[in-house]
Amino acid sequence: MNSPVYFFVFCGKMIYMEIKKQKQTFIFDNYLWGSKREDTTVSLTLSCDNEKLYFEFNVTEKELRRMVVEDNGSVWLDSCMELFISPDNVNYYNFEFSASKALRCGYGPNRQERPLVDSEKLKLVEREIVVLENNNKRSRYSFKGSIPLKEFGLDKEVLYLNAYKCGDGLKEPHFISLFNIDLPNPDFHQIKFFKPVKLIKA
């Protein structure tokens, strides 16, 4: 059963949501910049332990594109799933995964000031895809993996994140997010729309 996104509120202010060893699934419900709800559905399952953050995207979409095969390539042109994570609400990683399993990742405070993470380090991020259906009408697949927390400086009690599904190179591009982005034009690199997450590792 899918779980809603739970937030903890103190004196009217949102504090955090919790990620635990027990898997929790969150539904993407923000169809942005002309994206069609009937074309694509996305969920993200998260869990953690003392060493890793585990993720699993489950996607149904009209077109499966996976042309980029090298890490730090133009993965956003493919069927792309993205998990943006900040350890301090100032700098953040953009873990961008093509359905080919290629990964692009940089680190910095904004879109412009973010050098790419070395491709050797990216090999520490585990990735696996299972294609459940792929025809001329729709594709369904599960994309999962894990991010080592310590190696990426994410071994914190509280992180900040947002997650996305896109495909700029698809016949009908779409832009979908876990947490809403209140901007007129496509831009996922907006840390002000990240939400706090508390990792419960015990």
C-alpha atoms as a PDB file:
ATOM      1  CA  MET A   1       0.000   0.000   0.000  1.00  0.00           C
ATOM      2  CA  ASN A   2       1.318   3.441  -0.889  1.00  0.00           C
ATOM      3  CA  SER A   3       1.978   5.789   2.002  1.00  0.00           C
ATOM      4  CA  PRO A   4       1.270   9.511   1.916  1.00  0.00           C
ATOM      5  CA  VAL A   5       3.965  12.061   2.583  1.00  0.00           C
ATOM      6  CA  TYR A   6       3.878  12.683   6.324  1.00  0.00           C
ATOM      7  CA  PHE A   7       5.161  15.938   7.754  1.00  0.00           C
ATOM      8  CA  PHE A   8       5.663  16.786  11.402  1.00  0.00           C
ATOM      9  CA  VAL A   9       4.415  20.211  12.430  1.00  0.00           C
ATOM     10  CA  PHE A  10       5.452  22.189  15.488  1.00  0.00           C
ATOM     11  CA  CYS A  11       3.797  25.534  16.300  1.00  0.00           C
ATOM     12  CA  GLY A  12       2.474  25.730  12.748  1.00  0.00           C
ATOM     13  CA  LYS A  13       5.884  25.186  11.131  1.00  0.00           C
ATOM     14  CA  MET A  14       6.779  22.069   9.151  1.00  0.00           C
ATOM     15  CA  ILE A  15       9.818  20.381  10.706  1.00  0.00           C
ATOM     16  CA  TYR A  16      10.526  17.231   8.687  1.00  0.00           C
ATOM     17  CA  MET A  17       9.290  13.978   7.288  1.00  0.00           C
ATOM     18  CA  GLU A  18      10.900  10.727   8.401  1.00  0.00           C
ATOM     19  CA  ILE A  19      12.689   8.038   6.382  1.00  0.00           C
ATOM     20  CA  LYS A  20      13.240   4.753   8.233  1.00  0.00           C
ATOM     21  CA  LYS A  21      14.432   1.211   7.579  1.00  0.00           C
ATOM     22  CA  GLN A  22      10.831   0.344   6.797  1.00  0.00           C
ATOM     23  CA  LYS A  23      10.152   1.341   3.195  1.00  0.00           C
ATOM     24  CA  GLN A  24       7.856   4.297   2.602  1.00  0.00           C
ATOM     25  CA  THR A  25       6.335   5.127  -0.776  1.00  0.00           C
ATOM     26  CA  PHE A  26       5.552   8.655  -1.939  1.00  0.00           C
ATOM     27  CA  ILE A  27       3.420   9.553  -4.951  1.00  0.00           C
ATOM     28  CA  PHE A  28       4.490  12.316  -7.314  1.00  0.00           C
ATOM     29  CA  ASP A  29       1.502  14.630  -7.653  1.00  0.00           C
ATOM     30  CA  ASN A  30       2.916  17.855  -9.089  1.00  0.00           C
ATOM     31  CA  TYR A  31       2.529  17.871 -12.879  1.00  0.00           C
ATOM     32  CA  LEU A  32       4.416  20.989 -13.874  1.00  0.00           C
ATOM     33  CA  TRP A  33       4.799  23.205 -16.929  1.00  0.00           C
ATOM     34  CA  GLY A  34       2.151  21.593 -19.106  1.00  0.00           C
ATOM     35  CA  SER A  35       2.769  17.965 -18.109  1.00  0.00           C
ATOM     36  CA  LYS A  36      -0.227  15.649 -18.536  1.00  0.00           C
ATOM     37  CA  ARG A  37      -1.324  13.601 -15.551  1.00  0.00           C
ATOM     38  CA  GLU A  38      -2.797  10.861 -17.749  1.00  0.00           C
ATOM     39  CA  ASP A  39       0.528  10.271 -19.556  1.00  0.00           C
ATOM     40  CA  THR A  40       2.871   9.486 -16.653  1.00  0.00           C
ATOM     41  CA  THR A  41       2.642   8.140 -13.105  1.00  0.00           C
ATOM     42  CA  VAL A  42       5.579   8.057 -10.703  1.00  0.00           C
ATOM     43  CA  SER A  43       6.188   6.851  -7.168  1.00  0.00           C
ATOM     44  CA  LEU A  44       9.356   6.874  -5.076  1.00  0.00           C
ATOM     45  CA  THR A  45      10.069   4.410  -2.282  1.00  0.00           C
ATOM     46  CA  LEU A  46      12.735   5.398   0.254  1.00  0.00           C
ATOM     47  CA  SER A  47      14.392   3.686   3.203  1.00  0.00           C
ATOM     48  CA  CYS A  48      17.730   3.939   4.981  1.00  0.00           C
ATOM     49  CA  ASP A  49      20.127   2.215   7.325  1.00  0.00           C
ATOM     50  CA  ASN A  50      23.372   3.351   8.937  1.00  0.00           C
ATOM     51  CA  GLU A  51      25.256   3.209   5.644  1.00  0.00           C
ATOM     52  CA  LYS A  52      22.931   3.884   2.706  1.00  0.00           C
ATOM     53  CA  LEU A  53      19.842   5.637   1.435  1.00  0.00           C
ATOM     54  CA  TYR A  54      17.805   3.218  -0.674  1.00  0.00           C
ATOM     55  CA  PHE A  55      15.491   4.414  -3.436  1.00  0.00           C
ATOM     56  CA  GLU A  56      13.106   2.880  -5.942  1.00  0.00           C
ATOM     57  CA  PHE A  57      11.259   4.776  -8.660  1.00  0.00           C
ATOM     58  CA  ASN A  58       8.254   3.056 -10.203  1.00  0.00           C
ATOM     59  CA  VAL A  59       7.263   4.676 -13.473  1.00  0.00           C
ATOM     60  CA  THR A  60       4.565   4.296 -16.095  1.00  0.00           C
ATOM     61  CA  GLU A  61       5.007   6.542 -19.134  1.00  0.00           C
ATOM     62  CA  LYS A  62       4.230   6.644 -22.847  1.00  0.00           C
ATOM     63  CA  GLU A  63       7.823   6.413 -24.082  1.00  0.00           C
ATOM     64  CA  LEU A  64      10.960   4.775 -22.727  1.00  0.00           C
ATOM     65  CA  ARG A  65      14.090   6.575 -23.913  1.00  0.00           C
ATOM     66  CA  ARG A  66      17.552   5.451 -22.755  1.00  0.00           C
ATOM     67  CA  MET A  67      20.138   6.657 -25.238  1.00  0.00           C
ATOM     68  CA  VAL A  68      22.727   8.111 -22.834  1.00  0.00           C
ATOM     69  CA  VAL A  69      24.994   5.355 -21.521  1.00  0.00           C
ATOM     70  CA  GLU A  70      27.970   7.221 -20.025  1.00  0.00           C
ATOM     71  CA  ASP A  71      27.966   8.731 -16.540  1.00  0.00           C
ATOM     72  CA  ASN A  72      27.790  12.540 -16.416  1.00  0.00           C
ATOM     73  CA  GLY A  73      26.193  12.638 -19.860  1.00  0.00           C
ATOM     74  CA  SER A  74      22.983  14.438 -20.897  1.00  0.00           C
ATOM     75  CA  VAL A  75      20.705  12.059 -19.011  1.00  0.00           C
ATOM     76  CA  TRP A  76      17.836  14.574 -18.733  1.00  0.00           C
ATOM     77  CA  LEU A  77      17.127  13.967 -22.431  1.00  0.00           C
ATOM     78  CA  ASP A  78      16.233  10.337 -21.624  1.00  0.00           C
ATOM     79  CA  SER A  79      13.520   8.903 -19.425  1.00  0.00           C
ATOM     80  CA  CYS A  80      15.083  10.443 -16.351  1.00  0.00           C
ATOM     81  CA  MET A  81      14.509  10.125 -12.614  1.00  0.00           C
ATOM     82  CA  GLU A  82      16.133  12.628 -10.298  1.00  0.00           C
ATOM     83  CA  LEU A  83      16.824  12.757  -6.574  1.00  0.00           C
ATOM     84  CA  PHE A  84      18.263  16.070  -5.372  1.00  0.00           C
ATOM     85  CA  ILE A  85      19.701  15.926  -1.830  1.00  0.00           C
ATOM     86  CA  SER A  86      21.295  18.600   0.337  1.00  0.00           C
ATOM     87  CA  PRO A  87      23.196  17.963   3.594  1.00  0.00           C
ATOM     88  CA  ASP A  88      22.890  21.573   4.780  1.00  0.00           C
ATOM     89  CA  ASN A  89      20.161  23.329   2.755  1.00  0.00           C
ATOM     90  CA  VAL A  90      22.910  25.329   0.987  1.00  0.00           C
ATOM     91  CA  ASN A  91      24.739  22.940  -1.373  1.00  0.00           C
ATOM     92  CA  TYR A  92      23.121  19.894  -2.960  1.00  0.00           C
ATOM     93  CA  TYR A  93      23.740  16.848  -5.126  1.00  0.00           C
ATOM     94  CA  ASN A  94      21.639  16.280  -8.242  1.00  0.00           C
ATOM     95  CA  PHE A  95      21.491  12.502  -8.691  1.00  0.00           C
ATOM     96  CA  GLU A  96      19.995  12.271 -12.203  1.00  0.00           C
ATOM     97  CA  PHE A  97      19.421   8.755 -13.535  1.00  0.00           C
ATOM     98  CA  SER A  98      18.675   7.742 -17.111  1.00  0.00           C
ATOM     99  CA  ALA A  99      16.639   4.577 -17.576  1.00  0.00           C
ATOM    100  CA  SER A 100      19.865   3.281 -19.171  1.00  0.00           C
ATOM    101  CA  LYS A 101      21.366   3.412 -15.614  1.00  0.00           C
ATOM    102  CA  ALA A 102      23.712   6.268 -16.546  1.00  0.00           C
ATOM    103  CA  LEU A 103      24.066   8.842 -13.742  1.00  0.00           C
ATOM    104  CA  ARG A 104      24.835  12.551 -13.833  1.00  0.00           C
ATOM    105  CA  CYS A 105      25.709  14.255 -10.559  1.00  0.00           C
ATOM    106  CA  GLY A 106      27.164  17.576  -9.507  1.00  0.00           C
ATOM    107  CA  TYR A 107      27.497  19.384  -6.200  1.00  0.00           C
ATOM    108  CA  GLY A 108      27.060  23.065  -5.427  1.00  0.00           C
ATOM    109  CA  PRO A 109      24.619  25.820  -4.406  1.00  0.00           C
ATOM    110  CA  ASN A 110      22.805  26.328  -7.728  1.00  0.00           C
ATOM    111  CA  ARG A 111      22.589  25.277 -11.364  1.00  0.00           C
ATOM    112  CA  GLN A 112      25.617  27.292 -12.474  1.00  0.00           C
ATOM    113  CA  GLU A 113      28.090  26.651  -9.632  1.00  0.00           C
ATOM    114  CA  ARG A 114      28.183  22.879  -9.465  1.00  0.00           C
ATOM    115  CA  PRO A 115      31.220  20.901 -10.668  1.00  0.00           C
ATOM    116  CA  LEU A 116      30.463  17.331 -11.664  1.00  0.00           C
ATOM    117  CA  VAL A 117      31.272  14.518  -9.257  1.00  0.00           C
ATOM    118  CA  ASP A 118      34.108  12.295 -10.465  1.00  0.00           C
ATOM    119  CA  SER A 119      32.838   9.326 -12.462  1.00  0.00           C
ATOM    120  CA  GLU A 120      34.833   6.903 -10.299  1.00  0.00           C
ATOM    121  CA  LYS A 121      32.961   8.094  -7.221  1.00  0.00           C
ATOM    122  CA  LEU A 122      29.653   7.712  -9.043  1.00  0.00           C
ATOM    123  CA  LYS A 123      30.352   3.976  -9.304  1.00  0.00           C
ATOM    124  CA  LEU A 124      29.555   3.815  -5.567  1.00  0.00           C
ATOM    125  CA  VAL A 125      25.914   4.587  -6.382  1.00  0.00           C
ATOM    126  CA  GLU A 126      24.186   1.278  -7.074  1.00  0.00           C
ATOM    127  CA  ARG A 127      21.619   1.170  -9.900  1.00  0.00           C
ATOM    128  CA  GLU A 128      19.278  -1.446 -11.317  1.00  0.00           C
ATOM    129  CA  ILE A 129      16.328  -1.327 -13.696  1.00  0.00           C
ATOM    130  CA  VAL A 130      13.604  -3.894 -14.343  1.00  0.00           C
ATOM    131  CA  VAL A 131      11.441  -3.204 -17.401  1.00  0.00           C
ATOM    132  CA  LEU A 132       7.977  -4.648 -16.807  1.00  0.00           C
ATOM    133  CA  GLU A 133       6.343  -3.508 -20.045  1.00  0.00           C
ATOM    134  CA  ASN A 134       7.568  -1.673 -23.134  1.00  0.00           C
ATOM    135  CA  ASN A 135       5.512  -1.279 -26.302  1.00  0.00           C
ATOM    136  CA  ASN A 136       4.250   1.482 -28.584  1.00  0.00           C
ATOM    137  CA  LYS A 137       1.561   2.478 -26.094  1.00  0.00           C
ATOM    138  CA  ARG A 138       3.331   2.589 -22.735  1.00  0.00           C
ATOM    139  CA  SER A 139       6.313   1.539 -20.662  1.00  0.00           C
ATOM    140  CA  ARG A 140       6.409   0.395 -17.051  1.00  0.00           C
ATOM    141  CA  TYR A 141       9.604  -0.072 -15.105  1.00  0.00           C
ATOM    142  CA  SER A 142      11.218  -0.083 -11.690  1.00  0.00           C
ATOM    143  CA  PHE A 143      14.488   1.758 -11.165  1.00  0.00           C
ATOM    144  CA  LYS A 144      16.201   1.215  -7.839  1.00  0.00           C
ATOM    145  CA  GLY A 145      19.520   1.589  -6.130  1.00  0.00           C
ATOM    146  CA  SER A 146      21.345   3.059  -3.153  1.00  0.00           C
ATOM    147  CA  ILE A 147      23.524   6.031  -2.258  1.00  0.00           C
ATOM    148  CA  PRO A 148      26.298   5.575   0.338  1.00  0.00           C
ATOM    149  CA  LEU A 149      25.725   8.307   2.917  1.00  0.00           C
ATOM    150  CA  LYS A 150      29.198   8.806   4.368  1.00  0.00           C
ATOM    151  CA  GLU A 151      31.024   8.858   1.033  1.00  0.00           C
ATOM    152  CA  PHE A 152      28.817  11.711  -0.211  1.00  0.00           C
ATOM    153  CA  GLY A 153      28.778  13.666   3.053  1.00  0.00           C
ATOM    154  CA  LEU A 154      25.119  12.814   3.611  1.00  0.00           C
ATOM    155  CA  ASP A 155      25.554  10.982   6.909  1.00  0.00           C
ATOM    156  CA  LYS A 156      23.380  13.518   8.735  1.00  0.00           C
ATOM    157  CA  GLU A 157      20.341  13.368  10.974  1.00  0.00           C
ATOM    158  CA  VAL A 158      18.421  15.743   8.706  1.00  0.00           C
ATOM    159  CA  LEU A 159      18.738  16.100   4.938  1.00  0.00           C
ATOM    160  CA  TYR A 160      16.819  18.258   2.461  1.00  0.00           C
ATOM    161  CA  LEU A 161      15.487  16.885  -0.798  1.00  0.00           C
ATOM    162  CA  ASN A 162      13.157  16.957  -3.726  1.00  0.00           C
ATOM    163  CA  ALA A 163      12.654  14.351  -6.449  1.00  0.00           C
ATOM    164  CA  TYR A 164      11.598  14.555 -10.061  1.00  0.00           C
ATOM    165  CA  LYS A 165      10.700  12.729 -13.270  1.00  0.00           C
ATOM    166  CA  CYS A 166      11.476  14.325 -16.615  1.00  0.00           C
ATOM    167  CA  GLY A 167      12.371  13.591 -20.201  1.00  0.00           C
ATOM    168  CA  ASP A 168      13.372  16.633 -22.209  1.00  0.00           C
ATOM    169  CA  GLY A 169      14.146  14.542 -25.290  1.00  0.00           C
ATOM    170  CA  LEU A 170      10.883  12.600 -25.325  1.00  0.00           C
ATOM    171  CA  LYS A 171       8.332  13.132 -28.098  1.00  0.00           C
ATOM    172  CA  GLU A 172       6.113  14.673 -25.406  1.00  0.00           C
ATOM    173  CA  PRO A 173       8.383  16.045 -22.649  1.00  0.00           C
ATOM    174  CA  HIS A 174       7.138  16.065 -19.078  1.00  0.00           C
ATOM    175  CA  PHE A 175       8.196  17.543 -15.733  1.00  0.00           C
ATOM    176  CA  ILE A 176       6.851  16.006 -12.514  1.00  0.00           C
ATOM    177  CA  SER A 177       7.972  16.588  -8.939  1.00  0.00           C
ATOM    178  CA  LEU A 178       7.447  15.154  -5.480  1.00  0.00           C
ATOM    179  CA  PHE A 179       7.256  18.607  -3.874  1.00  0.00           C
ATOM    180  CA  ASN A 180       5.788  21.483  -5.840  1.00  0.00           C
ATOM    181  CA  ILE A 181       7.969  24.046  -7.614  1.00  0.00           C
ATOM    182  CA  ASP A 182       6.144  27.356  -7.867  1.00  0.00           C
ATOM    183  CA  LEU A 183       7.883  28.826 -10.913  1.00  0.00           C
ATOM    184  CA  PRO A 184       6.603  29.716 -14.408  1.00  0.00           C
ATOM    185  CA  ASN A 185       9.332  27.852 -16.323  1.00  0.00           C
ATOM    186  CA  PRO A 186      11.027  24.437 -15.946  1.00  0.00           C
ATOM    187  CA  ASP A 187      13.806  24.476 -13.342  1.00  0.00           C
ATOM    188  CA  PHE A 188      14.417  21.651 -10.872  1.00  0.00           C
ATOM    189  CA  HIS A 189      17.551  23.326  -9.487  1.00  0.00           C
ATOM    190  CA  GLN A 190      15.655  25.273  -6.852  1.00  0.00           C
ATOM    191  CA  ILE A 191      16.803  24.383  -3.348  1.00  0.00           C
ATOM    192  CA  LYS A 192      14.169  26.654  -1.800  1.00  0.00           C
ATOM    193  CA  PHE A 193      11.572  24.037  -2.735  1.00  0.00           C
ATOM    194  CA  PHE A 194      13.409  21.158  -1.020  1.00  0.00           C
ATOM    195  CA  LYS A 195      11.799  19.702   2.113  1.00  0.00           C
ATOM    196  CA  PRO A 196      13.541  18.522   5.313  1.00  0.00           C
ATOM    197  CA  VAL A 197      13.859  14.778   5.896  1.00  0.00           C
ATOM    198  CA  LYS A 198      14.955  13.117   9.116  1.00  0.00           C
ATOM    199  CA  LEU A 199      16.808   9.800   8.716  1.00  0.00           C
ATOM    200  CA  ILE A 200      15.805   7.279  11.400  1.00  0.00           C
ATOM    201  CA  LYS A 201      18.605   4.702  11.184  1.00  0.00           C
ATOM    202  CA  ALA A 202      18.087   2.761  14.420  1.00  0.00           C
END
